Protein backbone atom coordinates (compact mmCIF):
# COMPACT_ATOMS: atom_id res chain seq x y z
CA UNK A 1 -20.00 3.46 -3.37
CA UNK A 2 -20.01 6.92 -4.59
CA UNK A 3 -17.42 9.27 -3.13
CA UNK A 4 -17.80 13.02 -2.88
CA UNK A 5 -14.96 14.95 -4.33
CA UNK A 6 -11.95 15.18 -2.02
CA UNK A 7 -8.69 17.06 -2.22
CA UNK A 8 -6.18 14.54 -3.39
CA UNK A 9 -3.33 14.43 -0.86
CA UNK A 10 0.28 13.91 -1.78
CA UNK A 11 0.70 10.20 -2.22
CA UNK A 12 3.26 7.83 -0.90
CA UNK A 13 3.58 5.40 -3.90
CA UNK A 14 4.04 1.66 -3.41
CA UNK A 15 6.51 -0.89 -4.69
CA UNK A 16 6.09 -4.46 -5.67
CA UNK A 17 5.10 -6.85 -2.93
CA UNK A 18 8.22 -7.84 -0.98
CA UNK A 19 9.02 -11.46 -0.35
CA UNK A 20 9.15 -12.51 3.27
CA UNK A 21 12.44 -11.49 4.90
CA UNK A 22 13.67 -9.85 1.73
CA UNK A 23 14.67 -6.25 1.20
CA UNK A 24 12.09 -4.19 -0.69
CA UNK A 25 12.59 -1.16 -2.87
CA UNK A 26 11.33 2.18 -1.66
CA UNK A 27 7.96 3.05 -3.08
CA UNK A 28 4.30 3.46 -1.81
CA UNK A 29 0.33 2.57 -1.69
CA UNK A 30 -1.97 5.31 -0.50
CA UNK A 31 -1.36 8.32 1.10
CA UNK A 32 -0.05 11.65 1.88
CA UNK A 33 -0.92 14.86 3.49
CA UNK A 34 -3.34 17.35 2.01
CA UNK A 35 -1.45 20.00 3.90
CA UNK A 36 1.92 21.14 2.60
CA UNK A 37 3.67 17.81 2.49
CA UNK A 38 7.06 16.95 1.04
CA UNK A 39 7.00 15.67 -2.47
CA UNK A 40 6.37 11.96 -2.52
CA UNK A 41 9.02 9.78 -4.17
CA UNK A 42 8.26 8.66 -7.66
CA UNK A 43 6.78 5.20 -7.88
CA UNK A 44 9.30 2.57 -8.68
CA UNK A 45 8.45 -0.07 -11.16
CA UNK A 46 10.67 -2.98 -12.01
CA UNK A 47 12.41 -2.37 -15.25
CA UNK A 48 11.35 -4.74 -17.93
CA UNK A 49 14.19 -6.35 -19.69
CA UNK A 50 13.85 -5.85 -23.39
CA UNK A 51 14.40 -9.03 -25.31
CA UNK A 52 17.20 -8.78 -27.73
CA UNK A 53 16.21 -9.22 -31.32
CA UNK A 54 18.56 -10.61 -33.84
CA UNK A 55 19.44 -8.17 -36.60
CA UNK A 56 18.84 -9.66 -40.00
CA UNK A 57 21.92 -10.52 -41.95
CA UNK A 58 22.79 -7.94 -44.62
CA UNK A 59 21.56 -8.95 -48.00
CA UNK A 60 24.21 -10.09 -50.39
CA UNK A 61 24.03 -8.44 -53.75
CA UNK A 62 23.47 -10.96 -56.51
CA UNK A 63 24.35 -10.33 -60.11
CA UNK A 64 21.47 -9.92 -62.51
CA UNK A 65 20.69 -13.13 -64.33
CA UNK A 66 21.07 -13.09 -68.09
CA UNK A 67 18.54 -14.64 -70.39
CA UNK A 68 20.79 -17.65 -70.91
CA UNK A 69 21.44 -18.39 -67.27
CA UNK A 70 19.30 -19.94 -64.55
CA UNK A 71 18.25 -17.44 -61.81
CA UNK A 72 20.21 -17.92 -58.57
CA UNK A 73 18.13 -19.52 -55.82
CA UNK A 74 17.09 -17.29 -52.89
CA UNK A 75 19.36 -17.67 -49.86
CA UNK A 76 18.04 -20.23 -47.37
CA UNK A 77 17.93 -19.05 -43.73
CA UNK A 78 19.47 -21.32 -41.15
CA UNK A 79 16.59 -23.21 -39.42
CA UNK A 80 18.27 -22.66 -36.05
CA UNK A 81 18.27 -18.88 -36.61
CA UNK A 82 14.62 -19.01 -37.64
CA UNK A 83 13.73 -20.95 -34.46
CA UNK A 84 15.63 -18.52 -32.24
CA UNK A 85 13.86 -15.57 -33.85
CA UNK A 86 10.45 -17.14 -33.36
CA UNK A 87 11.20 -17.97 -29.72
CA UNK A 88 12.28 -14.39 -29.04
CA UNK A 89 9.10 -13.06 -30.60
CA UNK A 90 6.99 -15.48 -28.57
CA UNK A 91 8.80 -14.43 -25.38
CA UNK A 92 8.11 -10.73 -26.00
CA UNK A 93 4.47 -11.41 -26.85
CA UNK A 94 3.97 -13.53 -23.71
CA UNK A 95 5.55 -10.82 -21.53
CA UNK A 96 3.25 -8.14 -22.96
CA UNK A 97 0.14 -10.31 -22.61
CA UNK A 98 1.11 -11.38 -19.10
CA UNK A 99 1.56 -7.77 -17.95
CA UNK A 100 -1.80 -6.83 -19.44
CA UNK A 101 -3.60 -9.73 -17.77
CA UNK A 102 -1.95 -8.97 -14.39
CA UNK A 103 -2.99 -5.32 -14.59
CA UNK A 104 -6.56 -6.36 -15.44
CA UNK A 105 -6.75 -8.77 -12.49
CA UNK A 106 -5.50 -6.12 -10.04
CA UNK A 107 -8.09 -3.67 -11.36
CA UNK A 108 -10.90 -6.23 -10.97
CA UNK A 109 -9.84 -7.04 -7.39
CA UNK A 110 -9.64 -3.39 -6.38
CA UNK A 111 -13.03 -2.54 -7.90
CA UNK A 112 -14.64 -5.58 -6.30
CA UNK A 113 -13.36 -4.87 -2.81
CA UNK A 114 -13.67 -1.12 -2.51
CA UNK A 115 -15.23 1.81 -4.25
CA UNK A 116 -13.09 4.33 -6.10
CA UNK A 117 -11.13 6.63 -3.84
CA UNK A 118 -12.44 10.16 -3.85
CA UNK A 119 -10.23 12.60 -5.69
CA UNK A 120 -11.13 16.18 -6.25
CA UNK A 121 -9.69 19.32 -7.80
CA UNK A 122 -8.21 21.84 -5.41
CA UNK A 123 -11.25 24.07 -5.94
CA UNK A 124 -13.30 21.91 -3.51
CA UNK A 125 -11.08 21.50 -0.44
CA UNK A 126 -13.94 21.35 2.06
CA UNK A 127 -16.00 18.59 0.43
CA UNK A 128 -16.62 15.56 2.59
CA UNK A 129 -16.25 11.89 1.69
CA UNK A 130 -19.61 10.38 0.83
CA UNK A 131 -20.86 7.08 2.13
CA UNK A 132 -22.23 4.60 -0.36
CA UNK A 133 -25.35 4.47 1.79
CA UNK A 134 -26.15 8.08 0.80
CA UNK A 135 -26.49 7.30 -2.90
CA UNK A 136 -28.21 3.90 -3.28
CA UNK A 137 -29.53 4.84 -6.71
CA UNK A 138 -26.01 4.59 -8.11
CA UNK A 139 -25.67 1.06 -6.73
CA UNK A 140 -22.01 1.50 -5.87
CA UNK A 141 -20.27 -1.68 -4.71
CA UNK A 142 -20.29 -1.99 -0.95
CA UNK A 143 -17.08 -2.13 0.99
CA UNK A 144 -16.87 -5.43 2.88
CA UNK A 145 -16.61 -5.34 6.66
CA UNK A 146 -12.85 -5.50 7.26
CA UNK A 147 -12.98 -5.02 11.04
CA UNK A 148 -11.74 -7.76 13.36
CA UNK A 149 -13.59 -6.74 16.55
CA UNK A 150 -11.51 -9.10 18.64
CA UNK A 151 -11.48 -8.13 22.35
CA UNK A 152 -7.95 -9.57 22.65
CA UNK A 153 -6.61 -7.78 19.56
CA UNK A 154 -3.27 -6.16 20.55
CA UNK A 155 -3.25 -3.96 17.43
CA UNK A 156 -6.47 -2.11 18.25
CA UNK A 157 -7.72 0.64 20.55
CA UNK A 158 -11.26 1.55 21.54
CA UNK A 159 -14.39 -0.32 22.54
CA UNK A 160 -14.90 -3.59 20.70
CA UNK A 161 -18.60 -2.78 20.28
CA UNK A 162 -18.13 0.80 19.05
CA UNK A 163 -20.57 1.72 16.26
CA UNK A 164 -17.79 2.56 13.78
CA UNK A 165 -14.37 1.02 13.19
CA UNK A 166 -11.43 2.75 11.53
CA UNK A 167 -9.31 0.15 9.75
CA UNK A 168 -5.88 1.58 8.92
CA UNK A 169 -2.90 0.26 6.92
CA UNK A 170 0.45 1.87 7.66
CA UNK A 171 4.19 1.47 7.17
CA UNK A 172 6.37 2.57 10.09
CA UNK A 173 8.83 4.39 7.79
CA UNK A 174 6.14 6.32 5.90
CA UNK A 175 6.47 10.10 6.52
CA UNK A 176 2.76 10.70 5.83
CA UNK A 177 1.77 8.00 8.31
CA UNK A 178 3.94 9.83 10.85
CA UNK A 179 2.40 13.19 9.97
CA UNK A 180 -1.13 11.86 10.39
CA UNK A 181 -0.30 10.07 13.66
CA UNK A 182 1.37 13.15 15.12
CA UNK A 183 -1.06 15.84 13.96
CA UNK A 184 -4.52 14.31 13.45
CA UNK A 185 -4.82 11.03 15.30
CA UNK A 186 -4.67 12.43 18.89
CA UNK A 187 -7.78 14.58 18.33
CA UNK A 188 -9.73 11.72 16.76
CA UNK A 189 -8.80 9.48 19.69
CA UNK A 190 -9.92 12.12 22.19
CA UNK A 191 -13.19 12.99 20.44
CA UNK A 192 -14.31 9.61 19.14
CA UNK A 193 -12.31 6.65 20.51
CA UNK A 194 -12.31 7.65 24.17
CA UNK A 195 -16.02 8.52 23.86
CA UNK A 196 -16.77 4.92 22.86
CA UNK A 197 -17.92 5.91 19.37
CA UNK A 198 -15.03 4.55 17.33
CA UNK A 199 -12.67 1.60 17.47
CA UNK A 200 -9.29 1.78 15.65
CA UNK A 201 -7.68 -1.34 14.19
CA UNK A 202 -4.18 -1.22 12.70
CA UNK A 203 -2.65 -3.33 9.94
CA UNK A 204 1.05 -3.23 9.11
CA UNK A 205 2.55 -3.35 5.63
CA UNK A 206 6.22 -3.35 4.70
CA UNK A 207 6.66 -1.22 1.61
CA UNK A 208 10.04 0.35 2.43
CA UNK A 209 12.56 -2.38 3.02
CA UNK A 210 14.10 -4.30 5.88
CA UNK A 211 13.77 -1.46 8.40
CA UNK A 212 10.03 -1.33 7.76
CA UNK A 213 9.84 -5.04 8.50
CA UNK A 214 11.96 -4.69 11.65
CA UNK A 215 9.81 -1.81 12.91
CA UNK A 216 6.60 -3.75 12.31
CA UNK A 217 8.00 -6.65 14.34
CA UNK A 218 9.04 -4.24 17.10
CA UNK A 219 5.57 -2.66 17.20
CA UNK A 220 4.01 -6.09 17.59
CA UNK A 221 6.55 -6.95 20.30
CA UNK A 222 5.39 -3.84 22.21
CA UNK A 223 1.78 -4.78 21.50
CA UNK A 224 2.37 -8.15 23.16
CA UNK A 225 2.94 -6.17 26.37
CA UNK A 226 -0.13 -3.99 25.81
CA UNK A 227 1.69 -0.91 24.55
CA UNK A 228 1.14 -0.83 20.79
CA UNK A 229 -0.39 2.65 20.69
CA UNK A 230 2.29 4.05 22.99
CA UNK A 231 5.07 2.54 20.89
CA UNK A 232 3.48 3.86 17.70
CA UNK A 233 3.37 7.38 19.17
CA UNK A 234 7.02 7.31 20.22
CA UNK A 235 8.23 5.89 16.91
CA UNK A 236 6.38 8.45 14.78
CA UNK A 237 7.26 11.35 17.09
CA UNK A 238 10.90 10.71 16.16
CA UNK A 239 10.21 10.52 12.41
CA UNK A 240 11.60 13.16 10.04
CA UNK A 241 9.20 15.35 8.07
CA UNK A 242 10.24 13.68 4.82
CA UNK A 243 12.00 10.57 3.64
CA UNK A 244 12.15 7.12 5.19
CA UNK A 245 14.13 7.04 8.46
CA UNK A 246 16.70 4.41 9.33
CA UNK A 247 15.37 2.18 12.11
CA UNK A 248 18.21 -0.06 13.31
CA UNK A 249 17.71 -2.53 16.13
CA UNK A 250 19.18 -0.28 18.83
CA UNK A 251 16.78 2.53 17.87
CA UNK A 252 13.78 0.22 18.08
CA UNK A 253 14.88 -0.92 21.55
CA UNK A 254 15.32 2.71 22.63
CA UNK A 255 11.76 3.43 21.47
CA UNK A 256 10.55 0.56 23.67
CA UNK A 257 12.26 2.13 26.68
CA UNK A 258 10.65 5.52 25.93
CA UNK A 259 7.23 3.90 25.50
CA UNK A 260 7.50 2.27 28.91
CA UNK A 261 7.67 -1.36 27.79
CA UNK A 262 8.07 -3.14 31.15
CA UNK A 263 9.97 -6.27 30.11
CA UNK A 264 12.75 -5.18 27.79
CA UNK A 265 14.33 -8.64 27.72
CA UNK A 266 11.08 -10.12 26.40
CA UNK A 267 10.81 -7.28 23.90
CA UNK A 268 14.33 -7.89 22.56
CA UNK A 269 13.70 -11.63 22.34
CA UNK A 270 10.49 -11.00 20.39
CA UNK A 271 12.44 -9.12 17.72
CA UNK A 272 13.71 -12.51 16.54
CA UNK A 273 10.44 -14.39 16.97
CA UNK A 274 9.62 -16.21 13.70
CA UNK A 275 5.91 -16.22 14.56
CA UNK A 276 5.82 -12.42 14.73
CA UNK A 277 7.72 -12.23 11.45
CA UNK A 278 5.17 -14.55 9.84
CA UNK A 279 2.28 -12.47 11.22
CA UNK A 280 3.72 -9.25 9.76
CA UNK A 281 4.25 -10.80 6.35
CA UNK A 282 0.77 -12.30 6.37
CA UNK A 283 -0.67 -8.86 7.12
CA UNK A 284 1.32 -7.34 4.27
CA UNK A 285 0.32 -10.00 1.75
CA UNK A 286 -3.33 -9.73 2.76
CA UNK A 287 -3.25 -5.95 2.24
CA UNK A 288 -1.61 -6.17 -1.16
CA UNK A 289 -4.05 -8.88 -2.20
CA UNK A 290 -6.96 -6.58 -1.33
CA UNK A 291 -5.53 -3.77 -3.44
CA UNK A 292 -3.89 -1.55 -0.80
CA UNK A 293 -1.34 0.34 -2.85
CA UNK A 294 -0.25 3.24 -0.64
CA UNK A 295 -0.08 4.34 2.96
CA UNK A 296 -1.78 5.50 5.01
CA UNK A 297 -5.04 3.93 3.82
CA UNK A 298 -8.24 4.05 5.90
CA UNK A 299 -11.57 2.26 5.61
CA UNK A 300 -14.26 3.81 7.79
CA UNK A 301 -17.49 1.91 7.29
CA UNK A 302 -18.34 2.59 3.65
CA UNK A 303 -15.84 5.44 3.33
CA UNK A 304 -12.35 4.91 1.93
CA UNK A 305 -9.65 7.53 2.47
CA UNK A 306 -6.18 7.21 1.03
CA UNK A 307 -3.77 9.73 2.47
CA UNK A 308 -3.10 11.95 5.47
CA UNK A 309 -6.23 14.08 5.05
CA UNK A 310 -6.82 16.96 7.49
CA UNK A 311 -8.84 16.54 10.66
CA UNK A 312 -12.08 18.02 9.28
CA UNK A 313 -12.19 15.43 6.50
CA UNK A 314 -12.00 12.62 9.06
CA UNK A 315 -14.60 14.28 11.28
CA UNK A 316 -17.03 14.49 8.38
CA UNK A 317 -16.39 10.88 7.40
CA UNK A 318 -16.80 9.64 10.97
CA UNK A 319 -19.97 11.69 11.56
CA UNK A 320 -21.46 10.35 8.32
CA UNK A 321 -20.70 6.74 9.23
CA UNK A 322 -21.89 7.19 12.82
CA UNK A 323 -25.20 8.58 11.59
CA UNK A 324 -25.60 5.61 9.26
CA UNK A 325 -24.65 3.09 11.98
CA UNK A 326 -26.90 4.59 14.64
CA UNK A 327 -29.82 5.42 12.37
């Protein structure tokens, strides 16, 4: 799909995919605010260990041979040293080729599953995202339907048969996710979701360590009692304007009390539920496999937005997709 130029928001870079239950390094996949947002942390990449190479032995000076003497034979290198040198070279070559192949595969997956994200110079701040349906001549790849449309989905709000679905990926420690939820989301909910025009489906990722994982489990524990959206609002209302907040267990329980979770004992028990843990990690792995590399990321029909764009950008995207869905 072809995207109209957009202001590129500050981005929250992503780290490597965390293993289940393991601590992850701070980093990001899509997103940031186009308004004055704190500088996003630099993307962390695992340092590649450089293979040590064996320095060649210094050459030993050999006396010049006279006409009456037999030239000295060239020194013979130890076969074991030769083997070690070749193995080191092969290891370095394999590492370089492996990194190149991995990068190529990620690129192919991202291009296959979604169109390029719109980025624009600051000279065009009011341009709207463009649906692929508006430019069929370019034959942009279509975004697959990623909506669940499950009436019993606890991580969704809005009518299941709404014409347009917003699919969002977020990390509960992401400052730009908090900014968007606090500043932009309430108006979209009032104007589109409550009017039956839009459904909103959430997907959690865990890019920022153990506290991100714990918060995702807590949000799903609140969702099990029908209060996902309320818990999300309370959690992000307490977020700082920059950085990744600490979210210890007692804080997550306090958020549940503020959100009005009726059965706190069940909520606390759910924090240790292995099935919820598995569901969070499955959501994370699915997102990374599809190419989600930063948060917040949104797919709205054929429109992809990566970052905490201002309200008008979302209105234009939603109006475009609604016109396409209803026309």
